[in-house]
Amino acid sequence: MDSKVCSKCKIEKPKSEFQKRHDRPIGVRPRCRDCQRKVDAEYRLTDRGKRKYRTSQWRQSNIDISYEEYKEKYKLLEGCCEICKEQLPSLCVDHNHATGEIRGLLCTTCNLALEHLKESHKIMNNAIKYIKKYGGNDV
């Protein structure tokens, strides 16, 4: 038996189209990979899914914050990045990589900018001088 019918789309597909799961009688999940991806994506949009997904991501990055703390901080900032003040549906949790201390919530661009500028105020000041010298957007 090298094929199986997906429990969601009801299409018979090869077993290679299903995620392995050794605790199942036939060794694969009931839904095909495509259907499972859709289910997972829908779940991540729910509050429970966001909580689970983000908490696991923060844990992997050694960021010590709960989803409730994040939501409270996000609400206080009215969804705005603490650097550029752009309002977004979600923000990154910025933290000190050396101490693990949480600094604030930033948009992805500002968070990556800090990382690329090595979190150094000297490098950031040099970048400001550079932009002032050669011109740039003063938003």
N, C-alpha and C. Protein backbone atom coordinates (compact mmCIF):
# COMPACT_ATOMS: atom_id res chain seq x y z
N MET A 1 0.85 -1.19 0.00
CA MET A 1 0.00 0.00 0.00
C MET A 1 0.89 1.24 0.00
N ASP A 2 1.15 1.79 -1.19
CA ASP A 2 2.04 2.93 -1.32
C ASP A 2 1.30 4.25 -1.48
N SER A 3 -0.02 4.22 -1.35
CA SER A 3 -0.80 5.46 -1.46
C SER A 3 -1.81 5.52 -0.32
N LYS A 4 -2.37 6.73 -0.16
CA LYS A 4 -3.32 6.98 0.92
C LYS A 4 -4.24 8.11 0.49
N VAL A 5 -5.47 8.13 1.00
CA VAL A 5 -6.42 9.20 0.71
C VAL A 5 -6.30 10.24 1.83
N CYS A 6 -6.11 11.48 1.44
CA CYS A 6 -6.01 12.58 2.40
C CYS A 6 -7.36 12.78 3.08
N SER A 7 -7.36 12.95 4.39
CA SER A 7 -8.62 13.10 5.13
C SER A 7 -9.26 14.47 4.89
N LYS A 8 -8.51 15.44 4.33
CA LYS A 8 -9.06 16.77 4.10
C LYS A 8 -9.52 16.94 2.64
N CYS A 9 -8.61 16.74 1.69
CA CYS A 9 -8.96 16.97 0.28
C CYS A 9 -9.56 15.75 -0.40
N LYS A 10 -9.48 14.59 0.28
CA LYS A 10 -10.07 13.34 -0.22
C LYS A 10 -9.46 12.84 -1.52
N ILE A 11 -8.22 13.26 -1.80
CA ILE A 11 -7.52 12.82 -3.01
C ILE A 11 -6.52 11.74 -2.62
N GLU A 12 -6.47 10.68 -3.42
CA GLU A 12 -5.49 9.62 -3.18
C GLU A 12 -4.13 10.09 -3.67
N LYS A 13 -3.15 10.02 -2.78
CA LYS A 13 -1.79 10.48 -3.11
C LYS A 13 -0.79 9.46 -2.62
N PRO A 14 0.43 9.50 -3.19
CA PRO A 14 1.47 8.58 -2.70
C PRO A 14 1.82 8.91 -1.24
N LYS A 15 2.24 7.91 -0.49
CA LYS A 15 2.59 8.12 0.92
C LYS A 15 3.70 9.15 1.09
N SER A 16 4.50 9.35 0.06
CA SER A 16 5.58 10.34 0.13
C SER A 16 5.04 11.76 0.24
N GLU A 17 3.74 11.94 -0.07
CA GLU A 17 3.10 13.26 0.02
C GLU A 17 2.57 13.54 1.43
N PHE A 18 2.81 12.60 2.35
CA PHE A 18 2.34 12.73 3.73
C PHE A 18 3.53 12.78 4.68
N GLN A 19 3.40 13.56 5.75
CA GLN A 19 4.43 13.64 6.79
C GLN A 19 4.46 12.31 7.55
N LYS A 20 5.66 11.82 7.85
CA LYS A 20 5.77 10.58 8.60
C LYS A 20 5.30 10.79 10.04
N ARG A 21 4.67 9.77 10.56
CA ARG A 21 4.24 9.80 11.96
C ARG A 21 4.19 8.35 12.43
N HIS A 22 5.17 7.98 13.23
CA HIS A 22 5.35 6.58 13.61
C HIS A 22 4.31 6.06 14.59
N ASP A 23 3.58 6.96 15.25
CA ASP A 23 2.55 6.49 16.18
C ASP A 23 1.22 6.20 15.48
N ARG A 24 1.14 6.44 14.17
CA ARG A 24 -0.08 6.15 13.40
C ARG A 24 0.01 4.72 12.85
N PRO A 25 -1.13 4.06 12.70
CA PRO A 25 -1.12 2.66 12.22
C PRO A 25 -0.41 2.46 10.88
N ILE A 26 -0.56 3.42 9.95
CA ILE A 26 0.10 3.24 8.64
C ILE A 26 1.36 4.09 8.51
N GLY A 27 1.76 4.77 9.58
CA GLY A 27 3.05 5.46 9.61
C GLY A 27 3.09 6.87 9.05
N VAL A 28 1.93 7.43 8.65
CA VAL A 28 1.89 8.80 8.14
C VAL A 28 0.70 9.56 8.73
N ARG A 29 0.75 10.88 8.63
CA ARG A 29 -0.35 11.71 9.12
C ARG A 29 -1.60 11.52 8.25
N PRO A 30 -2.78 11.88 8.77
CA PRO A 30 -4.00 11.70 7.99
C PRO A 30 -4.14 12.69 6.83
N ARG A 31 -3.54 13.89 6.95
CA ARG A 31 -3.64 14.90 5.89
C ARG A 31 -2.35 14.94 5.07
N CYS A 32 -2.48 15.22 3.78
CA CYS A 32 -1.30 15.37 2.92
C CYS A 32 -0.55 16.64 3.33
N ARG A 33 0.68 16.77 2.87
CA ARG A 33 1.52 17.93 3.24
C ARG A 33 0.87 19.26 2.86
N ASP A 34 0.29 19.34 1.66
CA ASP A 34 -0.34 20.58 1.21
C ASP A 34 -1.49 20.99 2.11
N CYS A 35 -2.36 20.03 2.42
CA CYS A 35 -3.50 20.33 3.30
C CYS A 35 -3.03 20.66 4.70
N GLN A 36 -2.03 19.95 5.20
CA GLN A 36 -1.52 20.22 6.54
C GLN A 36 -0.91 21.61 6.63
N ARG A 37 -0.21 22.04 5.57
CA ARG A 37 0.35 23.40 5.55
C ARG A 37 -0.75 24.45 5.66
N LYS A 38 -1.84 24.23 4.93
CA LYS A 38 -2.97 25.17 4.98
C LYS A 38 -3.58 25.22 6.38
N VAL A 39 -3.75 24.06 6.99
CA VAL A 39 -4.31 23.99 8.34
C VAL A 39 -3.39 24.70 9.33
N ASP A 40 -2.09 24.44 9.21
CA ASP A 40 -1.11 25.08 10.10
C ASP A 40 -1.11 26.59 9.92
N ALA A 41 -1.19 27.07 8.68
CA ALA A 41 -1.20 28.51 8.41
C ALA A 41 -2.43 29.17 9.02
N GLU A 42 -3.59 28.52 8.89
CA GLU A 42 -4.82 29.04 9.48
C GLU A 42 -4.73 29.07 11.00
N TYR A 43 -4.13 28.04 11.57
CA TYR A 43 -3.98 27.96 13.03
C TYR A 43 -3.08 29.08 13.55
N ARG A 44 -1.99 29.36 12.81
CA ARG A 44 -1.06 30.42 13.25
C ARG A 44 -1.71 31.79 13.25
N LEU A 45 -2.81 31.97 12.53
CA LEU A 45 -3.52 33.25 12.51
C LEU A 45 -4.43 33.43 13.73
N THR A 46 -4.74 32.35 14.42
CA THR A 46 -5.57 32.46 15.62
C THR A 46 -4.71 32.96 16.77
N ASP A 47 -5.34 33.51 17.80
CA ASP A 47 -4.59 34.02 18.94
C ASP A 47 -3.81 32.89 19.63
N ARG A 48 -4.44 31.73 19.74
CA ARG A 48 -3.78 30.58 20.35
C ARG A 48 -2.57 30.14 19.52
N GLY A 49 -2.74 30.14 18.21
CA GLY A 49 -1.65 29.77 17.31
C GLY A 49 -0.50 30.76 17.37
N LYS A 50 -0.82 32.05 17.39
CA LYS A 50 0.22 33.08 17.50
C LYS A 50 1.00 32.91 18.79
N ARG A 51 0.27 32.69 19.88
CA ARG A 51 0.91 32.51 21.19
C ARG A 51 1.90 31.35 21.14
N LYS A 52 1.44 30.22 20.63
CA LYS A 52 2.29 29.01 20.59
C LYS A 52 3.50 29.23 19.68
N TYR A 53 3.26 29.76 18.48
CA TYR A 53 4.34 29.95 17.50
C TYR A 53 5.38 30.95 18.01
N ARG A 54 4.91 32.11 18.47
CA ARG A 54 5.86 33.13 18.93
C ARG A 54 6.60 32.70 20.18
N THR A 55 5.91 32.06 21.10
CA THR A 55 6.57 31.60 22.32
C THR A 55 7.69 30.63 21.99
N SER A 56 7.44 29.74 21.05
CA SER A 56 8.50 28.78 20.67
C SER A 56 9.66 29.50 19.99
N GLN A 57 9.37 30.50 19.16
CA GLN A 57 10.42 31.27 18.49
C GLN A 57 11.26 32.05 19.51
N TRP A 58 10.59 32.68 20.46
CA TRP A 58 11.32 33.44 21.49
C TRP A 58 12.18 32.52 22.34
N ARG A 59 11.63 31.35 22.67
CA ARG A 59 12.38 30.40 23.49
C ARG A 59 13.65 29.95 22.76
N GLN A 60 13.53 29.70 21.45
CA GLN A 60 14.69 29.29 20.66
C GLN A 60 15.75 30.38 20.61
N SER A 61 15.32 31.64 20.68
CA SER A 61 16.25 32.77 20.62
C SER A 61 16.65 33.26 22.01
N ASN A 62 16.30 32.50 23.04
CA ASN A 62 16.60 32.87 24.44
C ASN A 62 16.03 34.23 24.83
N ILE A 63 14.84 34.53 24.35
CA ILE A 63 14.15 35.76 24.70
C ILE A 63 13.11 35.41 25.76
N ASP A 64 13.26 36.00 26.94
CA ASP A 64 12.39 35.64 28.07
C ASP A 64 11.22 36.62 28.16
N ILE A 65 10.17 36.34 27.38
CA ILE A 65 8.95 37.15 27.42
C ILE A 65 7.77 36.23 27.17
N SER A 66 6.67 36.51 27.85
CA SER A 66 5.46 35.74 27.61
C SER A 66 4.64 36.45 26.53
N TYR A 67 3.72 35.71 25.95
CA TYR A 67 2.87 36.31 24.92
C TYR A 67 2.01 37.42 25.52
N GLU A 68 1.58 37.24 26.76
CA GLU A 68 0.77 38.26 27.44
C GLU A 68 1.57 39.55 27.64
N GLU A 69 2.85 39.41 28.04
CA GLU A 69 3.73 40.59 28.20
C GLU A 69 3.92 41.31 26.86
N TYR A 70 4.11 40.51 25.80
CA TYR A 70 4.27 41.08 24.46
C TYR A 70 3.02 41.86 24.08
N LYS A 71 1.84 41.25 24.25
CA LYS A 71 0.58 41.90 23.86
C LYS A 71 0.38 43.21 24.65
N GLU A 72 0.72 43.20 25.93
CA GLU A 72 0.58 44.39 26.76
C GLU A 72 1.50 45.50 26.27
N LYS A 73 2.75 45.15 25.99
CA LYS A 73 3.73 46.12 25.49
C LYS A 73 3.30 46.66 24.12
N TYR A 74 2.81 45.75 23.26
CA TYR A 74 2.35 46.13 21.92
C TYR A 74 1.19 47.13 22.03
N LYS A 75 0.28 46.84 22.93
CA LYS A 75 -0.89 47.71 23.13
C LYS A 75 -0.47 49.09 23.63
N LEU A 76 0.49 49.14 24.56
CA LEU A 76 1.00 50.42 25.09
C LEU A 76 1.63 51.27 23.98
N LEU A 77 2.31 50.59 23.05
CA LEU A 77 2.97 51.28 21.94
C LEU A 77 2.01 51.55 20.79
N GLU A 78 0.77 51.11 20.92
CA GLU A 78 -0.25 51.22 19.88
C GLU A 78 0.24 50.62 18.55
N GLY A 79 1.04 49.55 18.67
CA GLY A 79 1.51 48.82 17.50
C GLY A 79 2.60 49.53 16.71
N CYS A 80 3.25 50.53 17.34
CA CYS A 80 4.27 51.31 16.63
C CYS A 80 5.68 50.90 17.03
N CYS A 81 6.56 50.81 16.06
CA CYS A 81 7.98 50.54 16.29
C CYS A 81 8.54 51.65 17.16
N GLU A 82 9.37 51.30 18.13
CA GLU A 82 9.92 52.29 19.04
C GLU A 82 10.98 53.18 18.39
N ILE A 83 11.48 52.81 17.23
CA ILE A 83 12.48 53.65 16.55
C ILE A 83 11.84 54.47 15.44
N CYS A 84 11.24 53.82 14.45
CA CYS A 84 10.71 54.57 13.29
C CYS A 84 9.26 55.02 13.47
N LYS A 85 8.59 54.52 14.50
CA LYS A 85 7.20 54.87 14.83
C LYS A 85 6.17 54.39 13.82
N GLU A 86 6.57 53.48 12.90
CA GLU A 86 5.62 52.92 11.94
C GLU A 86 4.70 51.93 12.65
N GLN A 87 3.42 52.01 12.36
CA GLN A 87 2.45 51.10 12.97
C GLN A 87 2.33 49.84 12.13
N LEU A 88 2.47 48.69 12.79
CA LEU A 88 2.45 47.40 12.10
C LEU A 88 1.60 46.39 12.86
N PRO A 89 1.11 45.35 12.16
CA PRO A 89 0.29 44.34 12.84
C PRO A 89 1.07 43.49 13.85
N SER A 90 2.38 43.40 13.71
CA SER A 90 3.21 42.70 14.70
C SER A 90 4.60 43.31 14.71
N LEU A 91 5.28 43.18 15.83
CA LEU A 91 6.62 43.75 15.99
C LEU A 91 7.57 42.69 16.53
N CYS A 92 8.87 42.91 16.31
CA CYS A 92 9.91 42.01 16.82
C CYS A 92 10.22 42.40 18.27
N VAL A 93 10.58 41.41 19.07
CA VAL A 93 11.03 41.67 20.44
C VAL A 93 12.53 41.88 20.36
N ASP A 94 12.97 43.11 20.60
CA ASP A 94 14.40 43.42 20.58
C ASP A 94 14.98 43.12 21.95
N HIS A 95 16.15 42.50 21.96
CA HIS A 95 16.80 42.16 23.23
C HIS A 95 18.31 42.29 23.10
N ASN A 96 18.94 42.47 24.23
CA ASN A 96 20.40 42.54 24.29
C ASN A 96 20.92 41.11 24.17
N HIS A 97 21.72 40.85 23.15
CA HIS A 97 22.20 39.49 22.91
C HIS A 97 23.18 39.02 23.97
N ALA A 98 23.86 39.96 24.62
CA ALA A 98 24.83 39.59 25.66
C ALA A 98 24.12 39.23 26.97
N THR A 99 23.12 40.01 27.36
CA THR A 99 22.46 39.79 28.66
C THR A 99 21.11 39.10 28.55
N GLY A 100 20.50 39.13 27.35
CA GLY A 100 19.17 38.56 27.16
C GLY A 100 18.06 39.50 27.61
N GLU A 101 18.42 40.68 28.11
CA GLU A 101 17.43 41.65 28.59
C GLU A 101 16.61 42.20 27.43
N ILE A 102 15.30 42.28 27.63
CA ILE A 102 14.41 42.79 26.61
C ILE A 102 14.46 44.31 26.62
N ARG A 103 14.66 44.89 25.41
CA ARG A 103 14.74 46.35 25.31
C ARG A 103 13.41 46.94 24.87
N GLY A 104 12.79 46.37 23.87
CA GLY A 104 11.55 46.94 23.37
C GLY A 104 11.03 46.19 22.17
N LEU A 105 10.05 46.81 21.49
CA LEU A 105 9.45 46.21 20.30
C LEU A 105 9.79 47.07 19.09
N LEU A 106 10.29 46.42 18.05
CA LEU A 106 10.73 47.11 16.85
C LEU A 106 10.16 46.43 15.60
N CYS A 107 10.09 47.20 14.51
CA CYS A 107 9.75 46.59 13.23
C CYS A 107 10.95 45.75 12.79
N THR A 108 10.74 44.87 11.86
CA THR A 108 11.81 43.98 11.40
C THR A 108 12.99 44.79 10.85
N THR A 109 12.71 45.84 10.09
CA THR A 109 13.77 46.64 9.48
C THR A 109 14.66 47.27 10.56
N CYS A 110 14.06 47.91 11.55
CA CYS A 110 14.84 48.55 12.62
C CYS A 110 15.58 47.52 13.46
N ASN A 111 14.94 46.38 13.71
CA ASN A 111 15.58 45.33 14.49
C ASN A 111 16.82 44.80 13.76
N LEU A 112 16.69 44.58 12.45
CA LEU A 112 17.83 44.09 11.67
C LEU A 112 18.91 45.16 11.53
N ALA A 113 18.48 46.43 11.45
CA ALA A 113 19.46 47.52 11.36
C ALA A 113 20.35 47.53 12.60
N LEU A 114 19.75 47.38 13.77
CA LEU A 114 20.54 47.33 15.00
C LEU A 114 21.52 46.17 14.97
N GLU A 115 21.04 45.02 14.51
CA GLU A 115 21.89 43.84 14.43
C GLU A 115 23.04 44.06 13.46
N HIS A 116 22.74 44.61 12.28
CA HIS A 116 23.78 44.82 11.27
C HIS A 116 24.77 45.91 11.67
N LEU A 117 24.33 46.84 12.51
CA LEU A 117 25.23 47.88 13.01
C LEU A 117 25.88 47.44 14.32
N LYS A 118 25.85 46.15 14.58
CA LYS A 118 26.51 45.49 15.70
C LYS A 118 26.10 46.06 17.06
N GLU A 119 24.89 46.63 17.14
CA GLU A 119 24.35 47.21 18.37
C GLU A 119 25.33 48.20 19.00
N SER A 120 26.09 48.88 18.16
CA SER A 120 27.12 49.81 18.62
C SER A 120 26.69 51.25 18.37
N HIS A 121 26.62 52.04 19.44
CA HIS A 121 26.24 53.45 19.26
C HIS A 121 27.31 54.21 18.47
N LYS A 122 28.56 53.80 18.54
CA LYS A 122 29.63 54.45 17.76
C LYS A 122 29.39 54.23 16.27
N ILE A 123 29.09 53.01 15.89
CA ILE A 123 28.83 52.71 14.48
C ILE A 123 27.57 53.43 14.03
N MET A 124 26.54 53.48 14.88
CA MET A 124 25.31 54.18 14.53
C MET A 124 25.55 55.67 14.35
N ASN A 125 26.34 56.27 15.22
CA ASN A 125 26.68 57.69 15.07
C ASN A 125 27.46 57.94 13.78
N ASN A 126 28.37 57.02 13.45
CA ASN A 126 29.11 57.14 12.19
C ASN A 126 28.15 57.04 11.00
N ALA A 127 27.16 56.17 11.10
CA ALA A 127 26.16 56.03 10.03
C ALA A 127 25.35 57.32 9.88
N ILE A 128 25.00 57.95 11.00
CA ILE A 128 24.26 59.22 10.96
C ILE A 128 25.11 60.29 10.29
N LYS A 129 26.37 60.38 10.66
CA LYS A 129 27.28 61.36 10.04
C LYS A 129 27.40 61.11 8.54
N TYR A 130 27.50 59.84 8.16
CA TYR A 130 27.61 59.46 6.76
C TYR A 130 26.39 59.91 5.97
N ILE A 131 25.19 59.64 6.50
CA ILE A 131 23.95 60.03 5.82
C ILE A 131 23.85 61.56 5.73
N LYS A 132 24.25 62.26 6.79
CA LYS A 132 24.21 63.72 6.77
C LYS A 132 25.17 64.27 5.72
N LYS A 133 26.32 63.65 5.60
CA LYS A 133 27.35 64.09 4.65
C LYS A 133 26.91 63.87 3.20
N TYR A 134 26.37 62.69 2.90
CA TYR A 134 26.06 62.33 1.52
C TYR A 134 24.57 62.42 1.17
N GLY A 135 23.77 62.72 2.15
CA GLY A 135 22.33 62.87 1.89
C GLY A 135 21.58 61.56 2.06
N GLY A 136 20.33 61.70 2.36
CA GLY A 136 19.47 60.54 2.57
C GLY A 136 18.09 61.03 2.94
N ASN A 137 17.22 60.12 3.21
CA ASN A 137 15.85 60.47 3.59
C ASN A 137 15.80 60.90 5.04
N ASP A 138 15.23 62.06 5.29
CA ASP A 138 15.03 62.50 6.67
C ASP A 138 13.54 62.41 6.95
N VAL A 139 13.09 61.20 7.23
CA VAL A 139 11.67 60.93 7.40
C VAL A 139 11.14 61.55 8.68
